Amino acid sequence: MTETVTIPRAEYDALTARLEDLEDILTAMQARGGQPMPLEWAKRILEDESPVRVWREFRGLSLRGLAGKAGVSAGYLSEIEAGKKPGSVEAYKALAEALDTSVDWLVL
């Protein structure tokens, strides 16, 4: 038996757009030689979660652990992740290196 689900067109279009965005992100990561991020992690970024926080957690680092590895204060990193501070170019470079990713993936 096949089940059918009916949703409003606007909701369908929004879901389709998000899926296409996610596919684009994953394709771009693979093309740039970056480490592919599992779908469930990439979805968090698409849902407007801080890319820095998602990458940090994906790498299994605590906030203090990443801050120490990147040479930034834990308070500053916390403010970047919370969107309270934009973060400097130097901070993003250090965070990207510590996370073994590209700055591009931290400032989507």
C-alpha atoms as a PDB file:
ATOM      1  CA  MET A   1       0.000   0.000   0.000  1.00  0.00           C
ATOM      2  CA  THR A   2       1.350   3.394  -0.998  1.00  0.00           C
ATOM      3  CA  GLU A   3       0.775   6.269   1.372  1.00  0.00           C
ATOM      4  CA  THR A   4       0.330   9.791   0.136  1.00  0.00           C
ATOM      5  CA  VAL A   5       1.150  12.894   2.112  1.00  0.00           C
ATOM      6  CA  THR A   6      -0.158  16.284   1.117  1.00  0.00           C
ATOM      7  CA  ILE A   7       1.684  19.439   2.116  1.00  0.00           C
ATOM      8  CA  PRO A   8       1.269  23.041   1.020  1.00  0.00           C
ATOM      9  CA  ARG A   9       3.182  23.996  -2.132  1.00  0.00           C
ATOM     10  CA  ALA A  10       5.204  26.641  -0.268  1.00  0.00           C
ATOM     11  CA  GLU A  11       6.409  24.031   2.235  1.00  0.00           C
ATOM     12  CA  TYR A  12       7.305  21.621  -0.582  1.00  0.00           C
ATOM     13  CA  ASP A  13       9.230  24.367  -2.409  1.00  0.00           C
ATOM     14  CA  ALA A  14      11.100  25.288   0.781  1.00  0.00           C
ATOM     15  CA  LEU A  15      12.055  21.656   1.413  1.00  0.00           C
ATOM     16  CA  THR A  16      13.209  21.231  -2.180  1.00  0.00           C
ATOM     17  CA  ALA A  17      15.305  24.395  -2.012  1.00  0.00           C
ATOM     18  CA  ARG A  18      16.983  23.273   1.221  1.00  0.00           C
ATOM     19  CA  LEU A  19      17.778  19.876  -0.277  1.00  0.00           C
ATOM     20  CA  GLU A  20      19.297  21.507  -3.350  1.00  0.00           C
ATOM     21  CA  ASP A  21      21.384  23.819  -1.127  1.00  0.00           C
ATOM     22  CA  LEU A  22      22.636  20.854   0.846  1.00  0.00           C
ATOM     23  CA  GLU A  23      23.533  18.930  -2.301  1.00  0.00           C
ATOM     24  CA  ASP A  24      25.409  21.996  -3.584  1.00  0.00           C
ATOM     25  CA  ILE A  25      27.373  22.292  -0.339  1.00  0.00           C
ATOM     26  CA  LEU A  26      28.373  18.639  -0.347  1.00  0.00           C
ATOM     27  CA  THR A  27      29.312  18.713  -4.039  1.00  0.00           C
ATOM     28  CA  ALA A  28      31.414  21.836  -3.570  1.00  0.00           C
ATOM     29  CA  MET A  29      33.198  20.319  -0.577  1.00  0.00           C
ATOM     30  CA  GLN A  30      34.113  17.228  -2.545  1.00  0.00           C
ATOM     31  CA  ALA A  31      35.227  19.294  -5.568  1.00  0.00           C
ATOM     32  CA  ARG A  32      37.510  21.431  -3.395  1.00  0.00           C
ATOM     33  CA  GLY A  33      39.068  18.368  -1.857  1.00  0.00           C
ATOM     34  CA  GLY A  34      37.544  19.080   1.520  1.00  0.00           C
ATOM     35  CA  GLN A  35      36.480  16.355   3.843  1.00  0.00           C
ATOM     36  CA  PRO A  36      32.864  15.511   3.194  1.00  0.00           C
ATOM     37  CA  MET A  37      30.623  16.283   6.118  1.00  0.00           C
ATOM     38  CA  PRO A  38      27.857  13.801   6.834  1.00  0.00           C
ATOM     39  CA  LEU A  39      24.423  14.970   5.850  1.00  0.00           C
ATOM     40  CA  GLU A  40      23.092  15.313   9.403  1.00  0.00           C
ATOM     41  CA  TRP A  41      25.908  17.726  10.264  1.00  0.00           C
ATOM     42  CA  ALA A  42      25.532  19.797   7.087  1.00  0.00           C
ATOM     43  CA  LYS A  43      21.788  20.126   7.755  1.00  0.00           C
ATOM     44  CA  ARG A  44      22.578  21.922  11.010  1.00  0.00           C
ATOM     45  CA  ILE A  45      24.457  24.593   9.063  1.00  0.00           C
ATOM     46  CA  LEU A  46      21.552  24.942   6.624  1.00  0.00           C
ATOM     47  CA  GLU A  47      19.262  25.437   9.615  1.00  0.00           C
ATOM     48  CA  ASP A  48      21.317  28.535  10.531  1.00  0.00           C
ATOM     49  CA  GLU A  49      23.451  26.988  13.244  1.00  0.00           C
ATOM     50  CA  SER A  50      26.944  28.457  13.524  1.00  0.00           C
ATOM     51  CA  PRO A  51      29.232  26.743  10.994  1.00  0.00           C
ATOM     52  CA  VAL A  52      32.115  27.117  13.461  1.00  0.00           C
ATOM     53  CA  ARG A  53      30.143  25.317  16.187  1.00  0.00           C
ATOM     54  CA  VAL A  54      29.042  22.557  13.806  1.00  0.00           C
ATOM     55  CA  TRP A  55      32.606  21.979  12.553  1.00  0.00           C
ATOM     56  CA  ARG A  56      33.944  22.075  16.115  1.00  0.00           C
ATOM     57  CA  GLU A  57      31.470  19.452  17.270  1.00  0.00           C
ATOM     58  CA  PHE A  58      32.003  17.405  14.098  1.00  0.00           C
ATOM     59  CA  ARG A  59      35.713  17.317  14.919  1.00  0.00           C
ATOM     60  CA  GLY A  60      34.924  16.301  18.516  1.00  0.00           C
ATOM     61  CA  LEU A  61      36.406  19.395  20.104  1.00  0.00           C
ATOM     62  CA  SER A  62      35.174  21.304  23.120  1.00  0.00           C
ATOM     63  CA  LEU A  63      34.940  25.077  22.897  1.00  0.00           C
ATOM     64  CA  ARG A  64      38.037  25.428  25.085  1.00  0.00           C
ATOM     65  CA  GLY A  65      39.832  22.735  23.112  1.00  0.00           C
ATOM     66  CA  LEU A  66      39.294  24.511  19.801  1.00  0.00           C
ATOM     67  CA  ALA A  67      40.110  27.891  21.314  1.00  0.00           C
ATOM     68  CA  GLY A  68      43.441  26.557  22.612  1.00  0.00           C
ATOM     69  CA  LYS A  69      44.258  24.815  19.345  1.00  0.00           C
ATOM     70  CA  ALA A  70      43.478  27.972  17.343  1.00  0.00           C
ATOM     71  CA  GLY A  71      45.128  30.401  19.764  1.00  0.00           C
ATOM     72  CA  VAL A  72      41.990  32.446  20.455  1.00  0.00           C
ATOM     73  CA  SER A  73      40.257  32.993  23.760  1.00  0.00           C
ATOM     74  CA  ALA A  74      37.341  30.744  24.652  1.00  0.00           C
ATOM     75  CA  GLY A  75      35.189  33.829  25.295  1.00  0.00           C
ATOM     76  CA  TYR A  76      35.927  35.224  21.833  1.00  0.00           C
ATOM     77  CA  LEU A  77      35.182  31.875  20.201  1.00  0.00           C
ATOM     78  CA  SER A  78      31.936  31.640  22.150  1.00  0.00           C
ATOM     79  CA  GLU A  79      30.902  35.076  20.880  1.00  0.00           C
ATOM     80  CA  ILE A  80      31.744  34.102  17.284  1.00  0.00           C
ATOM     81  CA  GLU A  81      29.680  30.926  17.574  1.00  0.00           C
ATOM     82  CA  ALA A  82      26.767  32.839  19.129  1.00  0.00           C
ATOM     83  CA  GLY A  83      26.885  35.474  16.376  1.00  0.00           C
ATOM     84  CA  LYS A  84      27.673  38.244  18.865  1.00  0.00           C
ATOM     85  CA  LYS A  85      30.996  39.073  17.191  1.00  0.00           C
ATOM     86  CA  PRO A  86      31.832  38.726  13.509  1.00  0.00           C
ATOM     87  CA  GLY A  87      35.357  37.404  14.115  1.00  0.00           C
ATOM     88  CA  SER A  88      38.495  38.665  12.443  1.00  0.00           C
ATOM     89  CA  VAL A  89      40.000  37.232   9.293  1.00  0.00           C
ATOM     90  CA  GLU A  90      42.976  36.068  11.361  1.00  0.00           C
ATOM     91  CA  ALA A  91      40.690  34.296  13.844  1.00  0.00           C
ATOM     92  CA  TYR A  92      38.838  32.505  11.054  1.00  0.00           C
ATOM     93  CA  LYS A  93      42.109  31.430   9.446  1.00  0.00           C
ATOM     94  CA  ALA A  94      43.320  30.006  12.757  1.00  0.00           C
ATOM     95  CA  LEU A  95      39.978  28.286  13.395  1.00  0.00           C
ATOM     96  CA  ALA A  96      39.929  26.785   9.898  1.00  0.00           C
ATOM     97  CA  GLU A  97      43.443  25.434  10.332  1.00  0.00           C
ATOM     98  CA  ALA A  98      42.601  23.996  13.763  1.00  0.00           C
ATOM     99  CA  LEU A  99      39.453  22.391  12.330  1.00  0.00           C
ATOM    100  CA  ASP A 100      41.267  21.089   9.234  1.00  0.00           C
ATOM    101  CA  THR A 101      38.845  22.818   6.905  1.00  0.00           C
ATOM    102  CA  SER A 102      38.666  25.911   4.719  1.00  0.00           C
ATOM    103  CA  VAL A 103      37.695  29.378   5.912  1.00  0.00           C
ATOM    104  CA  ASP A 104      35.011  29.219   3.198  1.00  0.00           C
ATOM    105  CA  TRP A 105      33.168  26.529   5.176  1.00  0.00           C
ATOM    106  CA  LEU A 106      33.192  28.612   8.348  1.00  0.00           C
ATOM    107  CA  VAL A 107      31.728  31.790   6.869  1.00  0.00           C
ATOM    108  CA  LEU A 108      28.952  30.452   4.628  1.00  0.00           C
END
